[in-house]
């Protein structure tokens, strides 16, 4: 292969690699929540909620205590909340993204970097 052909192919390969990496970054930005389920309890002293964690296809994986990280984002019914977790959230569904370790206690405990609380559904 001549040097001219090699010089033409090289930028084309770089372009394909760049496009592939950009697509992967967009997918990572839409990461699924680590915890999803119903808030069943609130611990005022530790400012944490107990979520009955449900994995994909409604398979329960057990309860987990969630508290907010210092710079966590709390979204309630589509709006960023300025308040912290409280007992009014019990009974609502939540999606949680965690950013660290899960303490191996029972139930396990962790800190959230983002929690999305959904509005109450009429029974």
PDB file of N, CA and C in Angstrom:
ATOM      1  N   UNK A   1       0.851  -1.173   0.000  1.00  0.00           N
ATOM      2  CA  UNK A   1       0.000   0.000   0.000  1.00  0.00           C
ATOM      3  C   UNK A   1       0.894   1.233   0.000  1.00  0.00           C
ATOM      4  N   UNK A   2       0.558   2.185  -0.835  1.00  0.00           N
ATOM      5  CA  UNK A   2       1.386   3.384  -0.940  1.00  0.00           C
ATOM      6  C   UNK A   2       1.176   4.290   0.276  1.00  0.00           C
ATOM      7  N   UNK A   3       2.099   5.191   0.457  1.00  0.00           N
ATOM      8  CA  UNK A   3       2.069   6.119   1.597  1.00  0.00           C
ATOM      9  C   UNK A   3       0.857   7.039   1.528  1.00  0.00           C
ATOM     10  N   UNK A   4       0.414   7.407   0.336  1.00  0.00           N
ATOM     11  CA  UNK A   4      -0.747   8.280   0.168  1.00  0.00           C
ATOM     12  C   UNK A   4      -2.011   7.570   0.648  1.00  0.00           C
ATOM     13  N   UNK A   5      -2.164   6.300   0.308  1.00  0.00           N
ATOM     14  CA  UNK A   5      -3.336   5.529   0.751  1.00  0.00           C
ATOM     15  C   UNK A   5      -3.330   5.368   2.268  1.00  0.00           C
ATOM     16  N   UNK A   6      -2.169   5.120   2.839  1.00  0.00           N
ATOM     17  CA  UNK A   6      -2.070   4.983   4.294  1.00  0.00           C
ATOM     18  C   UNK A   6      -2.475   6.275   4.985  1.00  0.00           C
ATOM     19  N   UNK A   7      -2.027   7.404   4.453  1.00  0.00           N
ATOM     20  CA  UNK A   7      -2.378   8.692   5.044  1.00  0.00           C
ATOM     21  C   UNK A   7      -3.874   8.990   4.935  1.00  0.00           C
ATOM     22  N   UNK A   8      -4.526   8.479   3.889  1.00  0.00           N
ATOM     23  CA  UNK A   8      -5.963   8.670   3.746  1.00  0.00           C
ATOM     24  C   UNK A   8      -6.735   7.765   4.705  1.00  0.00           C
ATOM     25  N   UNK A   9      -6.307   6.543   4.902  1.00  0.00           N
ATOM     26  CA  UNK A   9      -7.005   5.569   5.745  1.00  0.00           C
ATOM     27  C   UNK A   9      -6.874   5.922   7.232  1.00  0.00           C
ATOM     28  N   UNK A  10      -5.738   6.424   7.648  1.00  0.00           N
ATOM     29  CA  UNK A  10      -5.498   6.712   9.062  1.00  0.00           C
ATOM     30  C   UNK A  10      -6.513   7.711   9.652  1.00  0.00           C
ATOM     31  N   UNK A  11      -6.761   8.878   9.017  1.00  0.00           N
ATOM     32  CA  UNK A  11      -7.770   9.804   9.565  1.00  0.00           C
ATOM     33  C   UNK A  11      -9.174   9.186   9.587  1.00  0.00           C
ATOM     34  N   UNK A  12      -9.478   8.357   8.606  1.00  0.00           N
ATOM     35  CA  UNK A  12     -10.782   7.691   8.555  1.00  0.00           C
ATOM     36  C   UNK A  12     -10.951   6.758   9.757  1.00  0.00           C
ATOM     37  N   UNK A  13      -9.935   6.018  10.107  1.00  0.00           N
ATOM     38  CA  UNK A  13      -9.976   5.125  11.266  1.00  0.00           C
ATOM     39  C   UNK A  13     -10.129   5.940  12.548  1.00  0.00           C
ATOM     40  N   UNK A  14      -9.395   7.042  12.667  1.00  0.00           N
ATOM     41  CA  UNK A  14      -9.531   7.907  13.841  1.00  0.00           C
ATOM     42  C   UNK A  14     -10.947   8.469  13.977  1.00  0.00           C
ATOM     43  N   UNK A  15     -11.553   8.842  12.851  1.00  0.00           N
ATOM     44  CA  UNK A  15     -12.916   9.351  12.872  1.00  0.00           C
ATOM     45  C   UNK A  15     -13.879   8.287  13.376  1.00  0.00           C
ATOM     46  N   UNK A  16     -13.759   7.065  12.905  1.00  0.00           N
ATOM     47  CA  UNK A  16     -14.633   5.973  13.356  1.00  0.00           C
ATOM     48  C   UNK A  16     -14.458   5.703  14.849  1.00  0.00           C
ATOM     49  N   UNK A  17     -13.211   5.717  15.316  1.00  0.00           N
ATOM     50  CA  UNK A  17     -12.972   5.498  16.742  1.00  0.00           C
ATOM     51  C   UNK A  17     -13.588   6.604  17.592  1.00  0.00           C
ATOM     52  N   UNK A  18     -13.473   7.844  17.123  1.00  0.00           N
ATOM     53  CA  UNK A  18     -14.043   8.980  17.852  1.00  0.00           C
ATOM     54  C   UNK A  18     -15.559   8.875  17.920  1.00  0.00           C
ATOM     55  N   UNK A  19     -16.204   8.539  16.821  1.00  0.00           N
ATOM     56  CA  UNK A  19     -17.657   8.397  16.811  1.00  0.00           C
ATOM     57  C   UNK A  19     -18.100   7.260  17.729  1.00  0.00           C
ATOM     58  N   UNK A  20     -17.375   6.179  17.748  1.00  0.00           N
ATOM     59  CA  UNK A  20     -17.707   5.049  18.626  1.00  0.00           C
ATOM     60  C   UNK A  20     -17.589   5.431  20.087  1.00  0.00           C
ATOM     61  N   UNK A  21     -16.579   6.179  20.458  1.00  0.00           N
ATOM     62  CA  UNK A  21     -16.405   6.620  21.847  1.00  0.00           C
ATOM     63  C   UNK A  21     -17.481   7.610  22.249  1.00  0.00           C
ATOM     64  N   UNK A  22     -17.882   8.488  21.350  1.00  0.00           N
ATOM     65  CA  UNK A  22     -18.924   9.467  21.662  1.00  0.00           C
ATOM     66  C   UNK A  22     -20.252   8.770  21.917  1.00  0.00           C
ATOM     67  N   UNK A  23     -20.567   7.760  21.133  1.00  0.00           N
ATOM     68  CA  UNK A  23     -21.814   7.024  21.321  1.00  0.00           C
ATOM     69  C   UNK A  23     -21.803   6.299  22.660  1.00  0.00           C
ATOM     70  N   UNK A  24     -20.685   5.739  23.046  1.00  0.00           N
ATOM     71  CA  UNK A  24     -20.575   5.044  24.319  1.00  0.00           C
ATOM     72  C   UNK A  24     -20.759   6.029  25.481  1.00  0.00           C
ATOM     73  N   UNK A  25     -20.242   7.232  25.391  1.00  0.00           N
ATOM     74  CA  UNK A  25     -20.393   8.229  26.446  1.00  0.00           C
ATOM     75  C   UNK A  25     -21.853   8.607  26.646  1.00  0.00           C
ATOM     76  N   UNK A  26     -22.607   8.742  25.552  1.00  0.00           N
ATOM     77  CA  UNK A  26     -24.028   9.062  25.669  1.00  0.00           C
ATOM     78  C   UNK A  26     -24.768   7.945  26.381  1.00  0.00           C
ATOM     79  N   UNK A  27     -24.450   6.690  26.066  1.00  0.00           N
ATOM     80  CA  UNK A  27     -25.099   5.565  26.720  1.00  0.00           C
ATOM     81  C   UNK A  27     -24.784   5.548  28.206  1.00  0.00           C
ATOM     82  N   UNK A  28     -23.563   5.877  28.594  1.00  0.00           N
ATOM     83  CA  UNK A  28     -23.189   5.878  29.998  1.00  0.00           C
ATOM     84  C   UNK A  28     -23.919   6.972  30.751  1.00  0.00           C
ATOM     85  N   UNK A  29     -24.239   8.086  30.114  1.00  0.00           N
ATOM     86  CA  UNK A  29     -24.967   9.165  30.744  1.00  0.00           C
ATOM     87  C   UNK A  29     -26.398   8.765  31.082  1.00  0.00           C
ATOM     88  N   UNK A  30     -26.929   7.771  30.410  1.00  0.00           N
ATOM     89  CA  UNK A  30     -28.284   7.290  30.630  1.00  0.00           C
ATOM     90  C   UNK A  30     -28.251   6.015  31.473  1.00  0.00           C
ATOM     91  N   UNK A  31     -27.365   5.955  32.420  1.00  0.00           N
ATOM     92  CA  UNK A  31     -27.194   4.773  33.250  1.00  0.00           C
ATOM     93  C   UNK A  31     -28.453   4.469  34.053  1.00  0.00           C
ATOM     94  N   UNK A  32     -28.789   3.196  34.124  1.00  0.00           N
ATOM     95  CA  UNK A  32     -29.958   2.776  34.887  1.00  0.00           C
ATOM     96  C   UNK A  32     -29.686   2.945  36.377  1.00  0.00           C
ATOM     97  N   UNK A  33     -30.740   3.173  37.172  1.00  0.00           N
ATOM     98  CA  UNK A  33     -30.540   3.313  38.614  1.00  0.00           C
ATOM     99  C   UNK A  33     -30.022   2.020  39.229  1.00  0.00           C
ATOM    100  N   UNK A  34     -29.225   2.161  40.288  1.00  0.00           N
ATOM    101  CA  UNK A  34     -28.688   0.997  40.985  1.00  0.00           C
ATOM    102  C   UNK A  34     -29.738   0.371  41.902  1.00  0.00           C
ATOM    103  N   UNK A  35     -30.611   1.207  42.427  1.00  0.00           N
ATOM    104  CA  UNK A  35     -31.670   0.760  43.327  1.00  0.00           C
ATOM    105  C   UNK A  35     -32.978   1.341  42.820  1.00  0.00           C
ATOM    106  N   UNK A  36     -34.013   0.510  42.819  1.00  0.00           N
ATOM    107  CA  UNK A  36     -35.336   0.963  42.376  1.00  0.00           C
ATOM    108  C   UNK A  36     -36.365   0.241  43.224  1.00  0.00           C
ATOM    109  N   UNK A  37     -37.306   0.998  43.807  1.00  0.00           N
ATOM    110  CA  UNK A  37     -38.340   0.351  44.594  1.00  0.00           C
ATOM    111  C   UNK A  37     -39.171   1.337  45.386  1.00  0.00           C
ATOM    112  N   UNK A  38     -39.889   0.811  46.375  1.00  0.00           N
ATOM    113  CA  UNK A  38     -40.797   1.592  47.203  1.00  0.00           C
ATOM    114  C   UNK A  38     -40.109   1.947  48.522  1.00  0.00           C
ATOM    115  N   UNK A  39     -40.254   3.194  48.941  1.00  0.00           N
ATOM    116  CA  UNK A  39     -39.725   3.626  50.241  1.00  0.00           C
ATOM    117  C   UNK A  39     -40.689   3.117  51.307  1.00  0.00           C
ATOM    118  N   UNK A  40     -40.173   2.295  52.225  1.00  0.00           N
ATOM    119  CA  UNK A  40     -41.035   1.661  53.232  1.00  0.00           C
ATOM    120  C   UNK A  40     -40.840   2.209  54.636  1.00  0.00           C
ATOM    121  N   UNK A  41     -39.744   2.946  54.888  1.00  0.00           N
ATOM    122  CA  UNK A  41     -39.481   3.441  56.238  1.00  0.00           C
ATOM    123  C   UNK A  41     -38.545   4.645  56.163  1.00  0.00           C
ATOM    124  N   UNK A  42     -38.533   5.428  57.242  1.00  0.00           N
ATOM    125  CA  UNK A  42     -37.637   6.574  57.355  1.00  0.00           C
ATOM    126  C   UNK A  42     -37.006   6.559  58.739  1.00  0.00           C
ATOM    127  N   UNK A  43     -35.690   6.715  58.812  1.00  0.00           N
ATOM    128  CA  UNK A  43     -34.941   6.781  60.075  1.00  0.00           C
ATOM    129  C   UNK A  43     -34.497   8.221  60.263  1.00  0.00           C
ATOM    130  N   UNK A  44     -35.169   8.923  61.185  1.00  0.00           N
ATOM    131  CA  UNK A  44     -34.914  10.352  61.372  1.00  0.00           C
ATOM    132  C   UNK A  44     -33.505  10.636  61.877  1.00  0.00           C
ATOM    133  N   UNK A  45     -33.016   9.830  62.810  1.00  0.00           N
ATOM    134  CA  UNK A  45     -31.703  10.069  63.420  1.00  0.00           C
ATOM    135  C   UNK A  45     -30.578  10.026  62.392  1.00  0.00           C
ATOM    136  N   UNK A  46     -30.655   9.082  61.465  1.00  0.00           N
ATOM    137  CA  UNK A  46     -29.608   8.930  60.451  1.00  0.00           C
ATOM    138  C   UNK A  46     -29.981   9.578  59.122  1.00  0.00           C
ATOM    139  N   UNK A  47     -31.179  10.161  59.045  1.00  0.00           N
ATOM    140  CA  UNK A  47     -31.682  10.770  57.813  1.00  0.00           C
ATOM    141  C   UNK A  47     -31.535   9.827  56.619  1.00  0.00           C
ATOM    142  N   UNK A  48     -32.144   8.657  56.744  1.00  0.00           N
ATOM    143  CA  UNK A  48     -32.090   7.693  55.656  1.00  0.00           C
ATOM    144  C   UNK A  48     -33.445   7.031  55.471  1.00  0.00           C
ATOM    145  N   UNK A  49     -33.672   6.576  54.240  1.00  0.00           N
ATOM    146  CA  UNK A  49     -34.907   5.882  53.911  1.00  0.00           C
ATOM    147  C   UNK A  49     -34.603   4.428  53.615  1.00  0.00           C
ATOM    148  N   UNK A  50     -35.572   3.574  53.912  1.00  0.00           N
ATOM    149  CA  UNK A  50     -35.458   2.153  53.608  1.00  0.00           C
ATOM    150  C   UNK A  50     -36.243   1.895  52.338  1.00  0.00           C
ATOM    151  N   UNK A  51     -35.579   1.348  51.346  1.00  0.00           N
ATOM    152  CA  UNK A  51     -36.218   1.065  50.061  1.00  0.00           C
ATOM    153  C   UNK A  51     -36.262  -0.436  49.848  1.00  0.00           C
ATOM    154  N   UNK A  52     -37.450  -0.945  49.514  1.00  0.00           N
ATOM    155  CA  UNK A  52     -37.593  -2.353  49.150  1.00  0.00           C
ATOM    156  C   UNK A  52     -37.130  -2.449  47.703  1.00  0.00           C
ATOM    157  N   UNK A  53     -35.872  -2.827  47.533  1.00  0.00           N
ATOM    158  CA  UNK A  53     -35.210  -2.810  46.229  1.00  0.00           C
ATOM    159  C   UNK A  53     -35.816  -3.848  45.292  1.00  0.00           C
ATOM    160  N   UNK A  54     -36.179  -3.408  44.093  1.00  0.00           N
ATOM    161  CA  UNK A  54     -36.718  -4.297  43.064  1.00  0.00           C
ATOM    162  C   UNK A  54     -35.823  -4.188  41.844  1.00  0.00           C
ATOM    163  N   UNK A  55     -35.303  -5.299  41.400  1.00  0.00           N
ATOM    164  CA  UNK A  55     -34.454  -5.303  40.206  1.00  0.00           C
ATOM    165  C   UNK A  55     -35.330  -5.343  38.966  1.00  0.00           C
ATOM    166  N   UNK A  56     -34.722  -5.506  37.815  1.00  0.00           N
ATOM    167  CA  UNK A  56     -35.473  -5.616  36.566  1.00  0.00           C
ATOM    168  C   UNK A  56     -36.474  -6.754  36.640  1.00  0.00           C
ATOM    169  N   UNK A  57     -37.556  -6.592  35.951  1.00  0.00           N
ATOM    170  CA  UNK A  57     -38.622  -7.593  35.858  1.00  0.00           C
ATOM    171  C   UNK A  57     -39.275  -7.865  37.210  1.00  0.00           C
ATOM    172  N   UNK A  58     -39.294  -6.867  38.098  1.00  0.00           N
ATOM    173  CA  UNK A  58     -39.967  -6.952  39.393  1.00  0.00           C
ATOM    174  C   UNK A  58     -39.462  -8.080  40.287  1.00  0.00           C
ATOM    175  N   UNK A  59     -38.185  -8.400  40.215  1.00  0.00           N
ATOM    176  CA  UNK A  59     -37.579  -9.393  41.094  1.00  0.00           C
ATOM    177  C   UNK A  59     -37.033  -8.657  42.316  1.00  0.00           C
ATOM    178  N   UNK A  60     -37.542  -8.992  43.492  1.00  0.00           N
ATOM    179  CA  UNK A  60     -37.102  -8.309  44.704  1.00  0.00           C
ATOM    180  C   UNK A  60     -35.709  -8.775  45.115  1.00  0.00           C
ATOM    181  N   UNK A  61     -34.880  -7.824  45.523  1.00  0.00           N
ATOM    182  CA  UNK A  61     -33.538  -8.177  45.987  1.00  0.00           C
ATOM    183  C   UNK A  61     -33.340  -7.782  47.443  1.00  0.00           C
ATOM    184  N   UNK A  62     -34.410  -7.341  48.118  1.00  0.00           N
ATOM    185  CA  UNK A  62     -34.327  -7.040  49.530  1.00  0.00           C
ATOM    186  C   UNK A  62     -34.230  -5.565  49.825  1.00  0.00           C
ATOM    187  N   UNK A  63     -34.402  -5.209  51.099  1.00  0.00           N
ATOM    188  CA  UNK A  63     -34.371  -3.806  51.495  1.00  0.00           C
ATOM    189  C   UNK A  63     -32.948  -3.254  51.565  1.00  0.00           C
ATOM    190  N   UNK A  64     -32.831  -1.930  51.437  1.00  0.00           N
ATOM    191  CA  UNK A  64     -31.544  -1.258  51.560  1.00  0.00           C
ATOM    192  C   UNK A  64     -31.785   0.141  52.125  1.00  0.00           C
ATOM    193  N   UNK A  65     -30.956   0.538  53.103  1.00  0.00           N
ATOM    194  CA  UNK A  65     -31.024   1.888  53.667  1.00  0.00           C
ATOM    195  C   UNK A  65     -30.239   2.841  52.773  1.00  0.00           C
ATOM    196  N   UNK A  66     -30.846   3.970  52.438  1.00  0.00           N
ATOM    197  CA  UNK A  66     -30.219   4.960  51.568  1.00  0.00           C
ATOM    198  C   UNK A  66     -30.193   6.308  52.289  1.00  0.00           C
ATOM    199  N   UNK A  67     -29.020   6.927  52.331  1.00  0.00           N
ATOM    200  CA  UNK A  67     -28.911   8.306  52.810  1.00  0.00           C
ATOM    201  C   UNK A  67     -28.296   9.129  51.680  1.00  0.00           C
ATOM    202  N   UNK A  68     -28.377  10.452  51.813  1.00  0.00           N
ATOM    203  CA  UNK A  68     -27.863  11.330  50.763  1.00  0.00           C
ATOM    204  C   UNK A  68     -26.391  11.634  50.966  1.00  0.00           C
ATOM    205  N   UNK A  69     -25.621  11.579  49.897  1.00  0.00           N
ATOM    206  CA  UNK A  69     -24.243  12.047  49.893  1.00  0.00           C
ATOM    207  C   UNK A  69     -24.280  13.569  50.077  1.00  0.00           C
ATOM    208  N   UNK A  70     -23.197  14.174  50.496  1.00  0.00           N
ATOM    209  CA  UNK A  70     -23.203  15.620  50.769  1.00  0.00           C
ATOM    210  C   UNK A  70     -23.568  16.456  49.547  1.00  0.00           C
ATOM    211  N   UNK A  71     -23.204  16.017  48.365  1.00  0.00           N
ATOM    212  CA  UNK A  71     -23.518  16.778  47.156  1.00  0.00           C
ATOM    213  C   UNK A  71     -24.551  16.072  46.278  1.00  0.00           C
ATOM    214  N   UNK A  72     -25.414  15.268  46.907  1.00  0.00           N
ATOM    215  CA  UNK A  72     -26.401  14.483  46.168  1.00  0.00           C
ATOM    216  C   UNK A  72     -27.494  15.357  45.568  1.00  0.00           C
ATOM    217  N   UNK A  73     -28.084  14.844  44.507  1.00  0.00           N
ATOM    218  CA  UNK A  73     -29.190  15.508  43.836  1.00  0.00           C
ATOM    219  C   UNK A  73     -30.477  14.779  44.229  1.00  0.00           C
ATOM    220  N   UNK A  74     -31.436  15.501  44.794  1.00  0.00           N
ATOM    221  CA  UNK A  74     -32.726  14.946  45.196  1.00  0.00           C
ATOM    222  C   UNK A  74     -33.798  15.575  44.323  1.00  0.00           C
ATOM    223  N   UNK A  75     -34.490  14.745  43.550  1.00  0.00           N
ATOM    224  CA  UNK A  75     -35.529  15.227  42.645  1.00  0.00           C
ATOM    225  C   UNK A  75     -36.851  14.603  43.081  1.00  0.00           C
ATOM    226  N   UNK A  76     -37.811  15.458  43.415  1.00  0.00           N
ATOM    227  CA  UNK A  76     -39.122  14.985  43.851  1.00  0.00           C
ATOM    228  C   UNK A  76     -40.166  15.485  42.864  1.00  0.00           C
ATOM    229  N   UNK A  77     -40.866  14.539  42.254  1.00  0.00           N
ATOM    230  CA  UNK A  77     -41.907  14.839  41.261  1.00  0.00           C
ATOM    231  C   UNK A  77     -41.399  15.761  40.161  1.00  0.00           C
ATOM    232  N   UNK A  78     -40.187  15.514  39.700  1.00  0.00           N
ATOM    233  CA  UNK A  78     -39.630  16.252  38.575  1.00  0.00           C
ATOM    234  C   UNK A  78     -38.929  17.556  38.916  1.00  0.00           C
ATOM    235  N   UNK A  79     -38.933  17.974  40.187  1.00  0.00           N
ATOM    236  CA  UNK A  79     -38.287  19.222  40.570  1.00  0.00           C
ATOM    237  C   UNK A  79     -37.182  18.957  41.581  1.00  0.00           C
ATOM    238  N   UNK A  80     -36.064  19.668  41.431  1.00  0.00           N
ATOM    239  CA  UNK A  80     -34.962  19.531  42.373  1.00  0.00           C
ATOM    240  C   UNK A  80     -35.410  20.054  43.732  1.00  0.00           C
ATOM    241  N   UNK A  81     -35.233  19.224  44.754  1.00  0.00           N
ATOM    242  CA  UNK A  81     -35.697  19.568  46.097  1.00  0.00           C
ATOM    243  C   UNK A  81     -34.587  20.232  46.896  1.00  0.00           C
ATOM    244  N   UNK A  82     -34.972  21.188  47.704  1.00  0.00           N
ATOM    245  CA  UNK A  82     -34.017  21.840  48.592  1.00  0.00           C
ATOM    246  C   UNK A  82     -34.047  21.189  49.977  1.00  0.00           C
ATOM    247  N   UNK A  83     -35.135  20.485  50.286  1.00  0.00           N
ATOM    248  CA  UNK A  83     -35.260  19.797  51.571  1.00  0.00           C
ATOM    249  C   UNK A  83     -34.527  18.463  51.517  1.00  0.00           C
ATOM    250  N   UNK A  84     -34.394  17.850  52.673  1.00  0.00           N
ATOM    251  CA  UNK A  84     -33.730  16.558  52.769  1.00  0.00           C
ATOM    252  C   UNK A  84     -34.771  15.447  52.776  1.00  0.00           C
ATOM    253  N   UNK A  85     -34.321  14.226  52.986  1.00  0.00           N
ATOM    254  CA  UNK A  85     -35.227  13.089  53.097  1.00  0.00           C
ATOM    255  C   UNK A  85     -36.076  13.242  54.357  1.00  0.00           C
ATOM    256  N   UNK A  86     -37.348  12.825  54.264  1.00  0.00           N
ATOM    257  CA  UNK A  86     -38.208  12.877  55.443  1.00  0.00           C
ATOM    258  C   UNK A  86     -39.287  11.803  55.359  1.00  0.00           C
ATOM    259  N   UNK A  87     -40.138  11.737  56.400  1.00  0.00           N
ATOM    260  CA  UNK A  87     -41.150  10.686  56.496  1.00  0.00           C
ATOM    261  C   UNK A  87     -42.260  10.818  55.465  1.00  0.00           C
ATOM    262  N   UNK A  88     -42.409  11.984  54.827  1.00  0.00           N
ATOM    263  CA  UNK A  88     -43.460  12.152  53.816  1.00  0.00           C
ATOM    264  C   UNK A  88     -43.176  11.347  52.547  1.00  0.00           C
ATOM    265  N   UNK A  89     -41.967  10.833  52.410  1.00  0.00           N
ATOM    266  CA  UNK A  89     -41.596  10.063  51.219  1.00  0.00           C
ATOM    267  C   UNK A  89     -41.992   8.591  51.317  1.00  0.00           C
ATOM    268  N   UNK A  90     -42.362   8.135  52.511  1.00  0.00           N
ATOM    269  CA  UNK A  90     -42.744   6.727  52.705  1.00  0.00           C
ATOM    270  C   UNK A  90     -43.966   6.416  51.835  1.00  0.00           C
ATOM    271  N   UNK A  91     -43.888   5.318  51.107  1.00  0.00           N
ATOM    272  CA  UNK A  91     -44.956   4.891  50.215  1.00  0.00           C
ATOM    273  C   UNK A  91     -44.736   5.280  48.769  1.00  0.00           C
ATOM    274  N   UNK A  92     -43.770   6.128  48.511  1.00  0.00           N
ATOM    275  CA  UNK A  92     -43.481   6.545  47.137  1.00  0.00           C
ATOM    276  C   UNK A  92     -42.428   5.631  46.519  1.00  0.00           C
ATOM    277  N   UNK A  93     -42.403   5.619  45.200  1.00  0.00           N
ATOM    278  CA  UNK A  93     -41.359   4.856  44.510  1.00  0.00           C
ATOM    279  C   UNK A  93     -40.163   5.756  44.263  1.00  0.00           C
ATOM    280  N   UNK A  94     -38.988   5.144  44.199  1.00  0.00           N
ATOM    281  CA  UNK A  94     -37.752   5.910  44.043  1.00  0.00           C
ATOM    282  C   UNK A  94     -36.767   5.176  43.148  1.00  0.00           C
ATOM    283  N   UNK A  95     -35.996   5.954  42.414  1.00  0.00           N
ATOM    284  CA  UNK A  95     -34.856   5.459  41.650  1.00  0.00           C
ATOM    285  C   UNK A  95     -33.622   6.079  42.276  1.00  0.00           C
ATOM    286  N   UNK A  96     -32.597   5.249  42.542  1.00  0.00           N
ATOM    287  CA  UNK A  96     -31.417   5.711  43.270  1.00  0.00           C
ATOM    288  C   UNK A  96     -30.148   5.326  42.518  1.00  0.00           C
ATOM    289  N   UNK A  97     -29.262   6.297  42.389  1.00  0.00           N
ATOM    290  CA  UNK A  97     -27.929   6.063  41.846  1.00  0.00           C
ATOM    291  C   UNK A  97     -26.954   6.222  43.005  1.00  0.00           C
ATOM    292  N   UNK A  98     -26.122   5.223  43.216  1.00  0.00           N
ATOM    293  CA  UNK A  98     -25.169   5.287  44.319  1.00  0.00           C
ATOM    294  C   UNK A  98     -23.787   5.605  43.779  1.00  0.00           C
ATOM    295  N   UNK A  99     -22.949   6.148  44.637  1.00  0.00           N
ATOM    296  CA  UNK A  99     -21.625   6.532  44.191  1.00  0.00           C
ATOM    297  C   UNK A  99     -20.551   6.076  45.150  1.00  0.00           C
ATOM    298  N   UNK A 100     -20.600   4.850  45.538  1.00  0.00           N
ATOM    299  CA  UNK A 100     -19.588   4.378  46.469  1.00  0.00           C
ATOM    300  C   UNK A 100     -19.866   2.957  46.905  1.00  0.00           C
ATOM    301  N   UNK A 101     -19.497   2.698  48.135  1.00  0.00           N
ATOM    302  CA  UNK A 101     -19.598   1.357  48.666  1.00  0.00           C
ATOM    303  C   UNK A 101     -20.954   1.112  49.303  1.00  0.00           C
ATOM    304  N   UNK A 102     -21.324  -0.153  49.382  1.00  0.00           N
ATOM    305  CA  UNK A 102     -22.512  -0.581  50.103  1.00  0.00           C
ATOM    306  C   UNK A 102     -22.031  -1.315  51.339  1.00  0.00           C
ATOM    307  N   UNK A 103     -22.393  -0.792  52.516  1.00  0.00           N
ATOM    308  CA  UNK A 103     -22.003  -1.448  53.769  1.00  0.00           C
ATOM    309  C   UNK A 103     -22.701  -2.793  53.879  1.00  0.00           C
ATOM    310  N   UNK A 104     -21.942  -3.801  54.239  1.00  0.00           N
ATOM    311  CA  UNK A 104     -22.488  -5.147  54.323  1.00  0.00           C
ATOM    312  C   UNK A 104     -23.099  -5.382  55.698  1.00  0.00           C
ATOM    313  N   UNK A 105     -24.239  -4.763  55.917  1.00  0.00           N
ATOM    314  CA  UNK A 105     -25.001  -4.978  57.133  1.00  0.00           C
ATOM    315  C   UNK A 105     -26.347  -5.550  56.692  1.00  0.00           C
ATOM    316  N   UNK A 106     -27.228  -5.808  57.638  1.00  0.00           N
ATOM    317  CA  UNK A 106     -28.560  -6.205  57.210  1.00  0.00           C
ATOM    318  C   UNK A 106     -29.571  -5.285  57.844  1.00  0.00           C
ATOM    319  N   UNK A 107     -30.353  -4.570  57.071  1.00  0.00           N
ATOM    320  CA  UNK A 107     -30.194  -4.420  55.621  1.00  0.00           C
ATOM    321  C   UNK A 107     -28.941  -3.609  55.284  1.00  0.00           C
ATOM    322  N   UNK A 108     -28.435  -3.767  54.075  1.00  0.00           N
ATOM    323  CA  UNK A 108     -27.256  -2.996  53.664  1.00  0.00           C
ATOM    324  C   UNK A 108     -27.553  -1.497  53.680  1.00  0.00           C
ATOM    325  N   UNK A 109     -26.490  -0.693  53.729  1.00  0.00           N
ATOM    326  CA  UNK A 109     -26.612   0.767  53.760  1.00  0.00           C
ATOM    327  C   UNK A 109     -25.651   1.372  52.750  1.00  0.00           C
ATOM    328  N   UNK A 110     -26.081   2.482  52.143  1.00  0.00           N
ATOM    329  CA  UNK A 110     -25.222   3.180  51.202  1.00  0.00           C
ATOM    330  C   UNK A 110     -25.652   4.635  51.091  1.00  0.00           C
ATOM    331  N   UNK A 111     -24.833   5.428  50.395  1.00  0.00           N
ATOM    332  CA  UNK A 111     -25.140   6.842  50.157  1.00  0.00           C
ATOM    333  C   UNK A 111     -25.455   7.034  48.678  1.00  0.00           C
ATOM    334  N   UNK A 112     -26.441   7.870  48.422  1.00  0.00           N
ATOM    335  CA  UNK A 112     -26.881   8.132  47.057  1.00  0.00           C
ATOM    336  C   UNK A 112     -26.266   9.418  46.527  1.00  0.00           C
ATOM    337  N   UNK A 113     -25.940   9.417  45.230  1.00  0.00           N
ATOM    338  CA  UNK A 113     -25.514  10.643  44.565  1.00  0.00           C
ATOM    339  C   UNK A 113     -26.700  11.298  43.859  1.00  0.00           C
ATOM    340  N   UNK A 114     -27.751  10.487  43.612  1.00  0.00           N
ATOM    341  CA  UNK A 114     -28.962  11.015  42.988  1.00  0.00           C
ATOM    342  C   UNK A 114     -30.142  10.139  43.387  1.00  0.00           C
ATOM    343  N   UNK A 115     -31.240  10.790  43.789  1.00  0.00           N
ATOM    344  CA  UNK A 115     -32.478  10.079  44.077  1.00  0.00           C
ATOM    345  C   UNK A 115     -33.600  10.800  43.343  1.00  0.00           C
ATOM    346  N   UNK A 116     -34.388  10.025  42.617  1.00  0.00           N
ATOM    347  CA  UNK A 116     -35.571  10.549  41.940  1.00  0.00           C
ATOM    348  C   UNK A 116     -36.785   9.915  42.618  1.00  0.00           C
ATOM    349  N   UNK A 117     -37.621  10.762  43.235  1.00  0.00           N
ATOM    350  CA  UNK A 117     -38.823  10.315  43.912  1.00  0.00           C
ATOM    351  C   UNK A 117     -40.003  10.585  42.980  1.00  0.00           C
ATOM    352  N   UNK A 118     -40.822   9.560  42.763  1.00  0.00           N
ATOM    353  CA  UNK A 118     -41.972   9.698  41.863  1.00  0.00           C
ATOM    354  C   UNK A 118     -43.219  10.049  42.673  1.00  0.00           C
ATOM    355  N   UNK A 119     -44.184  10.683  42.003  1.00  0.00           N
ATOM    356  CA  UNK A 119     -45.384  11.098  42.704  1.00  0.00           C
ATOM    357  C   UNK A 119     -46.192   9.888  43.151  1.00  0.00           C
ATOM    358  N   UNK A 120     -46.980  10.111  44.211  1.00  0.00           N
ATOM    359  CA  UNK A 120     -47.829   9.061  44.747  1.00  0.00           C
ATOM    360  C   UNK A 120     -48.891   8.678  43.716  1.00  0.00           C
ATOM    361  N   UNK A 121     -49.144   7.398  43.622  1.00  0.00           N
ATOM    362  CA  UNK A 121     -50.181   6.930  42.718  1.00  0.00           C
ATOM    363  C   UNK A 121     -51.445   6.676  43.532  1.00  0.00           C
ATOM    364  N   UNK A 122     -52.584   7.038  42.995  1.00  0.00           N
ATOM    365  CA  UNK A 122     -53.850   6.828  43.684  1.00  0.00           C
ATOM    366  C   UNK A 122     -54.130   5.334  43.783  1.00  0.00           C
ATOM    367  N   UNK A 123     -54.640   4.938  44.950  1.00  0.00           N
ATOM    368  CA  UNK A 123     -54.933   3.513  45.169  1.00  0.00           C
ATOM    369  C   UNK A 123     -56.362   3.218  44.840  1.00  0.00           C
TER     370      UNK A 123
END
